[in-house]
C-alpha atoms as a PDB file:
ATOM      1  CA  MET A   1     128.705  12.424 311.107  1.00  0.00           C
ATOM      2  CA  LEU A   2     125.125  13.637 311.599  1.00  0.00           C
ATOM      3  CA  ALA A   3     125.796  14.205 315.305  1.00  0.00           C
ATOM      4  CA  ILE A   4     128.895  16.311 314.483  1.00  0.00           C
ATOM      5  CA  PHE A   5     126.937  18.310 311.897  1.00  0.00           C
ATOM      6  CA  LEU A   6     124.131  18.983 314.405  1.00  0.00           C
ATOM      7  CA  THR A   7     126.686  20.007 317.066  1.00  0.00           C
ATOM      8  CA  VAL A   8     128.314  22.487 314.652  1.00  0.00           C
ATOM      9  CA  LEU A   9     124.865  23.914 313.792  1.00  0.00           C
ATOM     10  CA  LYS A  10     124.084  24.219 317.490  1.00  0.00           C
ATOM     11  CA  ILE A  11     127.340  26.111 318.162  1.00  0.00           C
ATOM     12  CA  ILE A  12     126.705  28.442 315.202  1.00  0.00           C
ATOM     13  CA  GLY A  13     123.129  29.037 316.437  1.00  0.00           C
ATOM     14  CA  ILE A  14     124.341  29.866 319.955  1.00  0.00           C
ATOM     15  CA  MET A  15     126.972  32.253 318.549  1.00  0.00           C
ATOM     16  CA  LEU A  16     124.368  34.001 316.361  1.00  0.00           C
ATOM     17  CA  LEU A  17     122.008  34.338 319.344  1.00  0.00           C
ATOM     18  CA  CYS A  18     124.852  35.796 321.425  1.00  0.00           C
ATOM     19  CA  VAL A  19     125.663  38.341 318.679  1.00  0.00           C
ATOM     20  CA  ILE A  20     121.982  39.307 318.255  1.00  0.00           C
ATOM     21  CA  GLY A  21     121.600  39.548 322.053  1.00  0.00           C
ATOM     22  CA  PHE A  22     124.688  41.767 322.319  1.00  0.00           C
ATOM     23  CA  ILE A  23     123.411  44.083 319.533  1.00  0.00           C
ATOM     24  CA  LEU A  24     119.986  44.315 321.224  1.00  0.00           C
ATOM     25  CA  LEU A  25     121.606  45.038 324.599  1.00  0.00           C
ATOM     26  CA  LEU A  26     123.760  47.750 322.991  1.00  0.00           C
ATOM     27  CA  LEU A  27     120.694  49.349 321.371  1.00  0.00           C
ATOM     28  CA  LEU A  28     118.802  49.288 324.682  1.00  0.00           C
ATOM     29  CA  ILE A  29     121.759  50.910 326.458  1.00  0.00           C
ATOM     30  CA  ILE A  30     121.988  53.660 323.804  1.00  0.00           C
ATOM     31  CA  LEU A  31     118.227  54.301 323.926  1.00  0.00           C
ATOM     32  CA  PHE A  32     117.554  54.111 327.675  1.00  0.00           C
ATOM     33  CA  VAL A  33     120.810  55.083 329.433  1.00  0.00           C
ATOM     34  CA  PRO A  34     120.858  58.896 329.555  1.00  0.00           C
ATOM     35  CA  VAL A  35     123.679  61.164 328.473  1.00  0.00           C
ATOM     36  CA  ARG A  36     124.233  63.470 331.452  1.00  0.00           C
ATOM     37  CA  TYR A  37     125.558  66.991 331.102  1.00  0.00           C
ATOM     38  CA  SER A  38     126.372  69.893 333.379  1.00  0.00           C
ATOM     39  CA  ALA A  39     127.442  73.399 332.499  1.00  0.00           C
ATOM     40  CA  LYS A  40     128.320  76.384 334.584  1.00  0.00           C
ATOM     41  CA  GLY A  41     129.899  79.710 333.850  1.00  0.00           C
ATOM     42  CA  SER A  42     129.425  83.415 333.466  1.00  0.00           C
ATOM     43  CA  TYR A  43     129.908  86.330 331.119  1.00  0.00           C
ATOM     44  CA  LYS A  44     130.819  89.514 332.966  1.00  0.00           C
ATOM     45  CA  GLU A  45     132.781  92.525 331.773  1.00  0.00           C
ATOM     46  CA  LYS A  46     133.273  90.815 328.416  1.00  0.00           C
ATOM     47  CA  LYS A  47     135.134  87.924 330.057  1.00  0.00           C
ATOM     48  CA  PRO A  48     133.574  84.470 329.491  1.00  0.00           C
ATOM     49  CA  GLN A  49     134.195  81.576 331.883  1.00  0.00           C
ATOM     50  CA  ILE A  50     132.686  78.206 330.948  1.00  0.00           C
ATOM     51  CA  ARG A  51     132.996  74.625 332.152  1.00  0.00           C
ATOM     52  CA  LEU A  52     131.038  71.875 330.364  1.00  0.00           C
ATOM     53  CA  ARG A  53     130.974  68.195 331.293  1.00  0.00           C
ATOM     54  CA  VAL A  54     129.239  65.421 329.321  1.00  0.00           C
ATOM     55  CA  SER A  55     129.229  61.903 330.781  1.00  0.00           C
ATOM     56  CA  TYR A  56     127.834  58.531 329.775  1.00  0.00           C
ATOM     57  CA  LEU A  57     127.489  55.127 331.419  1.00  0.00           C
ATOM     58  CA  LEU A  58     128.191  56.222 335.018  1.00  0.00           C
ATOM     59  CA  TYR A  59     131.194  58.388 334.062  1.00  0.00           C
ATOM     60  CA  LEU A  60     132.935  55.575 332.165  1.00  0.00           C
ATOM     61  CA  PHE A  61     133.083  58.097 329.340  1.00  0.00           C
ATOM     62  CA  CYS A  62     133.423  61.774 330.215  1.00  0.00           C
ATOM     63  CA  LEU A  63     134.155  64.819 328.041  1.00  0.00           C
ATOM     64  CA  ILE A  64     135.260  68.025 329.789  1.00  0.00           C
ATOM     65  CA  VAL A  65     135.552  71.384 328.031  1.00  0.00           C
ATOM     66  CA  SER A  66     136.568  74.550 329.864  1.00  0.00           C
ATOM     67  CA  TYR A  67     137.335  78.110 328.837  1.00  0.00           C
ATOM     68  CA  ASN A  68     139.005  80.738 331.015  1.00  0.00           C
ATOM     69  CA  GLU A  69     141.120  82.991 328.790  1.00  0.00           C
ATOM     70  CA  LYS A  70     142.138  79.831 326.925  1.00  0.00           C
ATOM     71  CA  LEU A  71     140.339  76.714 325.670  1.00  0.00           C
ATOM     72  CA  ASP A  72     141.047  73.364 327.310  1.00  0.00           C
ATOM     73  CA  TYR A  73     139.369  70.036 326.540  1.00  0.00           C
ATOM     74  CA  TYR A  74     140.005  66.372 327.298  1.00  0.00           C
ATOM     75  CA  ILE A  75     138.161  63.082 327.757  1.00  0.00           C
ATOM     76  CA  ARG A  76     138.237  60.446 330.474  1.00  0.00           C
ATOM     77  CA  LEU A  77     137.739  56.876 329.291  1.00  0.00           C
ATOM     78  CA  PHE A  78     137.434  54.326 332.139  1.00  0.00           C
ATOM     79  CA  GLY A  79     139.128  56.882 334.398  1.00  0.00           C
ATOM     80  CA  ILE A  80     142.106  57.385 332.054  1.00  0.00           C
ATOM     81  CA  LYS A  81     142.666  60.974 330.953  1.00  0.00           C
ATOM     82  CA  ILE A  82     143.217  61.454 327.214  1.00  0.00           C
ATOM     83  CA  ASP A  83     144.405  64.912 326.186  1.00  0.00           C
ATOM     84  CA  LEU A  84     142.782  65.677 322.829  1.00  0.00           C
ATOM     85  CA  LYS A  85     145.115  68.607 322.131  1.00  0.00           C
ATOM     86  CA  LYS A  86     148.188  66.368 322.170  1.00  0.00           C
ATOM     87  CA  LEU A  87     146.514  63.851 319.847  1.00  0.00           C
ATOM     88  CA  LYS A  88     145.569  66.676 317.490  1.00  0.00           C
ATOM     89  CA  ASN A  89     149.135  68.020 317.429  1.00  0.00           C
ATOM     90  CA  LYS A  90     150.517  64.535 316.683  1.00  0.00           C
ATOM     91  CA  LYS A  91     148.241  64.151 313.674  1.00  0.00           C
ATOM     92  CA  LYS A  92     149.382  67.463 312.187  1.00  0.00           C
ATOM     93  CA  ARG A  93     152.260  67.105 309.742  1.00  0.00           C
ATOM     94  CA  PRO A  94     154.290  69.869 308.097  1.00  0.00           C
ATOM     95  CA  GLN A  95     153.134  70.533 304.541  1.00  0.00           C
ATOM     96  CA  VAL A  96     155.860  70.890 301.905  1.00  0.00           C
ATOM     97  CA  THR A  97     155.059  73.537 299.310  1.00  0.00           C
ATOM     98  CA  SER A  98     156.788  73.673 295.967  1.00  0.00           C
ATOM     99  CA  CYS A  99     157.187  77.092 294.302  1.00  0.00           C
ATOM    100  CA  GLU A 100     158.042  75.495 290.983  1.00  0.00           C
ATOM    101  CA  ALA A 101     154.859  73.412 290.958  1.00  0.00           C
ATOM    102  CA  SER A 102     152.717  76.471 291.676  1.00  0.00           C
ATOM    103  CA  ALA A 103     154.501  78.404 288.902  1.00  0.00           C
ATOM    104  CA  ASP A 104     153.840  75.563 286.433  1.00  0.00           C
ATOM    105  CA  THR A 105     150.173  75.354 287.348  1.00  0.00           C
ATOM    106  CA  ASP A 106     149.796  79.145 286.990  1.00  0.00           C
ATOM    107  CA  ALA A 107     151.413  78.989 283.539  1.00  0.00           C
ATOM    108  CA  ASN A 108     149.109  76.136 282.467  1.00  0.00           C
ATOM    109  CA  ASP A 109     146.033  77.974 283.761  1.00  0.00           C
ATOM    110  CA  SER A 110     146.942  81.131 281.838  1.00  0.00           C
ATOM    111  CA  SER A 111     147.526  79.170 278.612  1.00  0.00           C
ATOM    112  CA  ASP A 112     144.161  77.376 279.044  1.00  0.00           C
ATOM    113  CA  LYS A 113     142.408  80.706 279.524  1.00  0.00           C
ATOM    114  CA  LYS A 114     143.909  82.059 276.305  1.00  0.00           C
ATOM    115  CA  ASP A 115     142.628  79.036 274.356  1.00  0.00           C
ATOM    116  CA  THR A 116     138.944  79.814 275.062  1.00  0.00           C
ATOM    117  CA  THR A 117     137.271  81.310 271.988  1.00  0.00           C
ATOM    118  CA  SER A 118     134.457  83.825 271.635  1.00  0.00           C
ATOM    119  CA  ASP A 119     132.184  81.137 270.065  1.00  0.00           C
ATOM    120  CA  ASP A 120     132.366  79.083 273.271  1.00  0.00           C
ATOM    121  CA  LYS A 121     131.455  82.133 275.337  1.00  0.00           C
ATOM    122  CA  GLU A 122     128.406  82.861 273.171  1.00  0.00           C
ATOM    123  CA  GLN A 123     127.275  79.224 273.423  1.00  0.00           C
ATOM    124  CA  THR A 124     127.611  79.165 277.225  1.00  0.00           C
ATOM    125  CA  SER A 125     125.711  82.462 277.606  1.00  0.00           C
ATOM    126  CA  ALA A 126     122.852  81.081 275.435  1.00  0.00           C
ATOM    127  CA  ASP A 127     122.755  77.892 277.534  1.00  0.00           C
ATOM    128  CA  GLU A 128     122.690  79.957 280.730  1.00  0.00           C
ATOM    129  CA  GLU A 129     119.722  81.980 279.463  1.00  0.00           C
ATOM    130  CA  LEU A 130     117.778  78.812 278.599  1.00  0.00           C
ATOM    131  CA  GLY A 131     118.642  77.288 281.959  1.00  0.00           C
ATOM    132  CA  PHE A 132     117.519  80.477 283.739  1.00  0.00           C
ATOM    133  CA  PHE A 133     114.056  80.410 282.108  1.00  0.00           C
ATOM    134  CA  GLU A 134     113.710  76.675 282.803  1.00  0.00           C
ATOM    135  CA  LYS A 135     114.556  77.260 286.469  1.00  0.00           C
ATOM    136  CA  ILE A 136     111.928  80.019 286.752  1.00  0.00           C
ATOM    137  CA  SER A 137     109.206  77.800 285.231  1.00  0.00           C
ATOM    138  CA  SER A 138     110.127  74.820 287.442  1.00  0.00           C
ATOM    139  CA  LYS A 139     110.187  76.998 290.569  1.00  0.00           C
ATOM    140  CA  LYS A 140     106.780  78.455 289.692  1.00  0.00           C
ATOM    141  CA  ASP A 141     105.315  74.932 289.506  1.00  0.00           C
ATOM    142  CA  LYS A 142     106.971  74.045 292.825  1.00  0.00           C
ATOM    143  CA  ILE A 143     105.617  77.167 294.563  1.00  0.00           C
ATOM    144  CA  GLU A 144     102.071  76.450 293.332  1.00  0.00           C
ATOM    145  CA  TYR A 145     102.406  72.817 294.469  1.00  0.00           C
ATOM    146  CA  TYR A 146     103.594  73.785 297.979  1.00  0.00           C
ATOM    147  CA  ILE A 147     100.914  76.507 298.350  1.00  0.00           C
ATOM    148  CA  ASP A 148      98.269  73.914 297.486  1.00  0.00           C
ATOM    149  CA  ILE A 149      99.660  71.528 300.113  1.00  0.00           C
ATOM    150  CA  LEU A 150     100.032  74.144 302.871  1.00  0.00           C
ATOM    151  CA  THR A 151      96.482  75.496 302.487  1.00  0.00           C
ATOM    152  CA  ARG A 152      94.879  72.101 303.138  1.00  0.00           C
ATOM    153  CA  ASP A 153      93.136  71.431 306.477  1.00  0.00           C
ATOM    154  CA  THR A 154      95.042  68.167 306.935  1.00  0.00           C
ATOM    155  CA  THR A 155      98.347  70.086 306.637  1.00  0.00           C
ATOM    156  CA  LYS A 156      97.280  72.541 309.344  1.00  0.00           C
ATOM    157  CA  GLU A 157      96.442  69.626 311.641  1.00  0.00           C
ATOM    158  CA  ALA A 158      99.774  67.969 310.838  1.00  0.00           C
ATOM    159  CA  LEU A 159     101.693  71.170 311.656  1.00  0.00           C
ATOM    160  CA  LEU A 160      99.913  71.435 315.014  1.00  0.00           C
ATOM    161  CA  VAL A 161     100.944  67.857 315.836  1.00  0.00           C
ATOM    162  CA  CYS A 162     104.545  68.618 314.766  1.00  0.00           C
ATOM    163  CA  LYS A 163     104.619  71.762 316.914  1.00  0.00           C
ATOM    164  CA  ASP A 164     103.353  69.866 319.961  1.00  0.00           C
ATOM    165  CA  ARG A 165     105.673  66.867 319.564  1.00  0.00           C
ATOM    166  CA  ILE A 166     108.809  68.856 318.667  1.00  0.00           C
ATOM    167  CA  GLY A 167     108.119  71.142 321.643  1.00  0.00           C
ATOM    168  CA  LYS A 168     107.952  68.114 323.958  1.00  0.00           C
ATOM    169  CA  ALA A 169     111.142  66.683 322.426  1.00  0.00           C
ATOM    170  CA  LEU A 170     112.938  70.000 323.033  1.00  0.00           C
ATOM    171  CA  LYS A 171     111.673  70.059 326.623  1.00  0.00           C
ATOM    172  CA  ALA A 172     113.212  66.603 327.118  1.00  0.00           C
ATOM    173  CA  LEU A 173     116.601  68.014 326.037  1.00  0.00           C
ATOM    174  CA  LEU A 174     116.459  71.012 328.396  1.00  0.00           C
ATOM    175  CA  PRO A 175     118.119  70.892 331.841  1.00  0.00           C
ATOM    176  CA  TYR A 176     116.055  69.522 334.735  1.00  0.00           C
ATOM    177  CA  LYS A 177     118.004  71.505 337.323  1.00  0.00           C
ATOM    178  CA  GLY A 178     119.588  74.944 337.387  1.00  0.00           C
ATOM    179  CA  LYS A 179     118.963  78.384 335.984  1.00  0.00           C
ATOM    180  CA  ILE A 180     120.273  80.847 333.427  1.00  0.00           C
ATOM    181  CA  TYR A 181     120.178  84.460 334.629  1.00  0.00           C
ATOM    182  CA  ALA A 182     120.555  86.929 331.769  1.00  0.00           C
ATOM    183  CA  ARG A 183     120.601  90.690 332.293  1.00  0.00           C
ATOM    184  CA  ILE A 184     120.868  92.269 328.852  1.00  0.00           C
ATOM    185  CA  GLY A 185     120.670  95.842 327.653  1.00  0.00           C
ATOM    186  CA  LEU A 186     121.889  96.770 324.182  1.00  0.00           C
ATOM    187  CA  GLU A 187     122.759 100.111 322.615  1.00  0.00           C
ATOM    188  CA  ASN A 188     119.530 100.017 320.624  1.00  0.00           C
ATOM    189  CA  ALA A 189     116.561  99.663 323.014  1.00  0.00           C
ATOM    190  CA  GLY A 190     114.446  98.306 320.139  1.00  0.00           C
ATOM    191  CA  THR A 191     116.769  95.285 319.792  1.00  0.00           C
ATOM    192  CA  THR A 192     116.447  94.626 323.538  1.00  0.00           C
ATOM    193  CA  GLY A 193     112.663  94.757 323.091  1.00  0.00           C
ATOM    194  CA  LYS A 194     112.866  92.209 320.258  1.00  0.00           C
ATOM    195  CA  ILE A 195     114.892  89.829 322.479  1.00  0.00           C
ATOM    196  CA  LEU A 196     112.241  90.239 325.183  1.00  0.00           C
ATOM    197  CA  GLY A 197     109.552  89.382 322.591  1.00  0.00           C
ATOM    198  CA  ILE A 198     111.407  86.204 321.566  1.00  0.00           C
ATOM    199  CA  TYR A 199     111.788  85.259 325.242  1.00  0.00           C
ATOM    200  CA  LYS A 200     108.043  85.674 325.840  1.00  0.00           C
ATOM    201  CA  ALA A 201     107.230  83.616 322.721  1.00  0.00           C
ATOM    202  CA  LEU A 202     109.432  80.756 323.978  1.00  0.00           C
ATOM    203  CA  TYR A 203     108.483  81.137 327.653  1.00  0.00           C
ATOM    204  CA  ASP A 204     106.405  77.916 327.733  1.00  0.00           C
ATOM    205  CA  TYR A 205     109.514  75.947 326.702  1.00  0.00           C
ATOM    206  CA  ILE A 206     112.368  77.813 328.452  1.00  0.00           C
ATOM    207  CA  GLY A 207     110.633  79.797 331.218  1.00  0.00           C
ATOM    208  CA  ASP A 208     111.538  77.264 333.932  1.00  0.00           C
ATOM    209  CA  VAL A 209     115.228  77.487 333.047  1.00  0.00           C
ATOM    210  CA  VAL A 210     115.917  80.957 331.629  1.00  0.00           C
ATOM    211  CA  VAL A 211     115.289  84.137 333.647  1.00  0.00           C
ATOM    212  CA  PHE A 212     115.657  87.221 331.476  1.00  0.00           C
ATOM    213  CA  TYR A 213     115.957  90.797 332.806  1.00  0.00           C
ATOM    214  CA  PRO A 214     115.792  93.441 330.059  1.00  0.00           C
ATOM    215  CA  VAL A 215     117.647  96.718 330.635  1.00  0.00           C
ATOM    216  CA  PHE A 216     116.524  99.681 328.527  1.00  0.00           C
ATOM    217  CA  ASP A 217     118.430 102.578 330.124  1.00  0.00           C
ATOM    218  CA  SER A 218     122.012 101.275 329.898  1.00  0.00           C
ATOM    219  CA  GLU A 219     124.234  98.963 327.863  1.00  0.00           C
ATOM    220  CA  VAL A 220     125.081  95.771 329.733  1.00  0.00           C
ATOM    221  CA  ILE A 221     125.500  92.017 329.132  1.00  0.00           C
ATOM    222  CA  ASP A 222     125.622  90.019 332.350  1.00  0.00           C
ATOM    223  CA  ILE A 223     124.986  86.259 332.196  1.00  0.00           C
ATOM    224  CA  GLU A 224     125.321  83.554 334.852  1.00  0.00           C
ATOM    225  CA  PHE A 225     124.331  79.901 334.537  1.00  0.00           C
ATOM    226  CA  ASN A 226     124.573  76.616 336.404  1.00  0.00           C
ATOM    227  CA  LEU A 227     122.764  73.745 334.694  1.00  0.00           C
ATOM    228  CA  LYS A 228     122.348  69.995 334.944  1.00  0.00           C
ATOM    229  CA  GLY A 229     120.459  67.826 332.506  1.00  0.00           C
ATOM    230  CA  ARG A 230     120.134  64.445 330.874  1.00  0.00           C
ATOM    231  CA  ILE A 231     119.150  63.285 327.410  1.00  0.00           C
ATOM    232  CA  ARG A 232     117.372  59.986 326.851  1.00  0.00           C
ATOM    233  CA  PHE A 233     117.353  59.167 323.143  1.00  0.00           C
ATOM    234  CA  VAL A 234     114.295  56.950 323.566  1.00  0.00           C
ATOM    235  CA  THR A 235     112.198  59.979 324.631  1.00  0.00           C
ATOM    236  CA  VAL A 236     113.216  62.048 321.603  1.00  0.00           C
ATOM    237  CA  LEU A 237     112.753  59.042 319.300  1.00  0.00           C
ATOM    238  CA  TYR A 238     109.271  58.407 320.742  1.00  0.00           C
ATOM    239  CA  HIS A 239     108.055  61.921 319.820  1.00  0.00           C
ATOM    240  CA  PHE A 240     109.426  61.702 316.266  1.00  0.00           C
ATOM    241  CA  ILE A 241     107.836  58.246 315.804  1.00  0.00           C
ATOM    242  CA  ARG A 242     104.508  59.752 316.896  1.00  0.00           C
ATOM    243  CA  ILE A 243     104.961  62.467 314.232  1.00  0.00           C
ATOM    244  CA  TYR A 244     105.768  59.923 311.526  1.00  0.00           C
ATOM    245  CA  PHE A 245     102.821  57.636 312.314  1.00  0.00           C
ATOM    246  CA  ASP A 246     100.271  60.434 312.637  1.00  0.00           C
ATOM    247  CA  LYS A 247      98.069  60.038 309.529  1.00  0.00           C
ATOM    248  CA  ASN A 248      98.161  63.742 308.578  1.00  0.00           C
ATOM    249  CA  CYS A 249     101.922  64.060 309.144  1.00  0.00           C
ATOM    250  CA  HIS A 250     102.587  60.840 307.225  1.00  0.00           C
ATOM    251  CA  ARG A 251     100.506  62.110 304.297  1.00  0.00           C
ATOM    252  CA  LEU A 252     102.394  65.427 304.316  1.00  0.00           C
ATOM    253  CA  ILE A 253     105.794  63.665 304.335  1.00  0.00           C
ATOM    254  CA  LYS A 254     104.658  61.467 301.410  1.00  0.00           C
ATOM    255  CA  LEU A 255     103.610  64.542 299.387  1.00  0.00           C
ATOM    256  CA  PHE A 256     106.998  66.211 299.908  1.00  0.00           C
ATOM    257  CA  ILE A 257     108.889  63.015 298.987  1.00  0.00           C
ATOM    258  CA  LYS A 258     106.700  62.581 295.884  1.00  0.00           C
ATOM    259  CA  ASN A 259     107.484  66.123 294.739  1.00  0.00           C
ATOM    260  CA  ASN A 260     111.229  65.637 295.289  1.00  0.00           C
ATOM    261  CA  LYS A 261     111.158  62.427 293.221  1.00  0.00           C
ATOM    262  CA  LYS A 262     109.349  64.246 290.410  1.00  0.00           C
ATOM    263  CA  ALA A 263     111.925  67.031 290.465  1.00  0.00           C
ATOM    264  CA  LYS A 264     114.780  64.501 290.241  1.00  0.00           C
ATOM    265  CA  LYS A 265     113.131  62.717 287.281  1.00  0.00           C
ATOM    266  CA  THR A 266     112.640  66.001 285.372  1.00  0.00           C
ATOM    267  CA  LYS A 267     116.282  66.933 285.987  1.00  0.00           C
ATOM    268  CA  GLU A 268     117.484  63.562 284.707  1.00  0.00           C
ATOM    269  CA  SER A 269     115.268  63.811 281.591  1.00  0.00           C
ATOM    270  CA  ARG A 270     116.602  67.304 280.840  1.00  0.00           C
ATOM    271  CA  LYS A 271     120.160  66.068 281.177  1.00  0.00           C
ATOM    272  CA  GLU A 272     119.441  63.191 278.761  1.00  0.00           C
ATOM    273  CA  LYS A 273     117.915  65.606 276.230  1.00  0.00           C
ATOM    274  CA  ALA A 274     120.925  67.907 276.525  1.00  0.00           C
END
């Protein structure tokens, strides 16, 4: 009997190890195997043409979206094409509307509206006024609390770390190959100038991919792009873990969570009093 019991325990242990191993393998695949994407298209003479492909696990899963006067999209799973439009149309069912039911509901709504008295209206208006003043006072406290947090030196250091890490995470999402050529001139030259200013501000992050030509003497929108990229979730996760475990960032997150908990407690206490 003891031998049988030990054998059963051994089998259960092996099965548990297999399940844990499979889950770990799945997590490693999700984190380290990149999602690959490619996009190409153009926008000329107000006519967009786009083709987007997203693949995973050596094209075992592939999503293709294209637009050329009409939208078309489908997926390939292990080489088998699955038309998403047909699946969507199958799920749609005709809705039966009843005129009598709508007439009854309208009649009930009108009778309910007539039953409301002037005393109820006065009471609700008084409650709204009290609630309005309470909201103003609570918001004032919140604003003072956040100003105090944001003016600290540790907060400034935390924001610099966040800027650096989020910038690196965004760079990891950008295409590694290809270019976007944008030649834009709007009716208002000032708006074109603002777009140029935004482009220059983001040049460190998008300058290798996006080439922007401003046009100030005519109105034109001419865009061409051909891009290839990959996204590794482990890279993005790494940068956000670094943000979380930075002492200044962690302290800042704690302060925001603490304030949110306080706000929830005050709301609950007000509800209980009411």
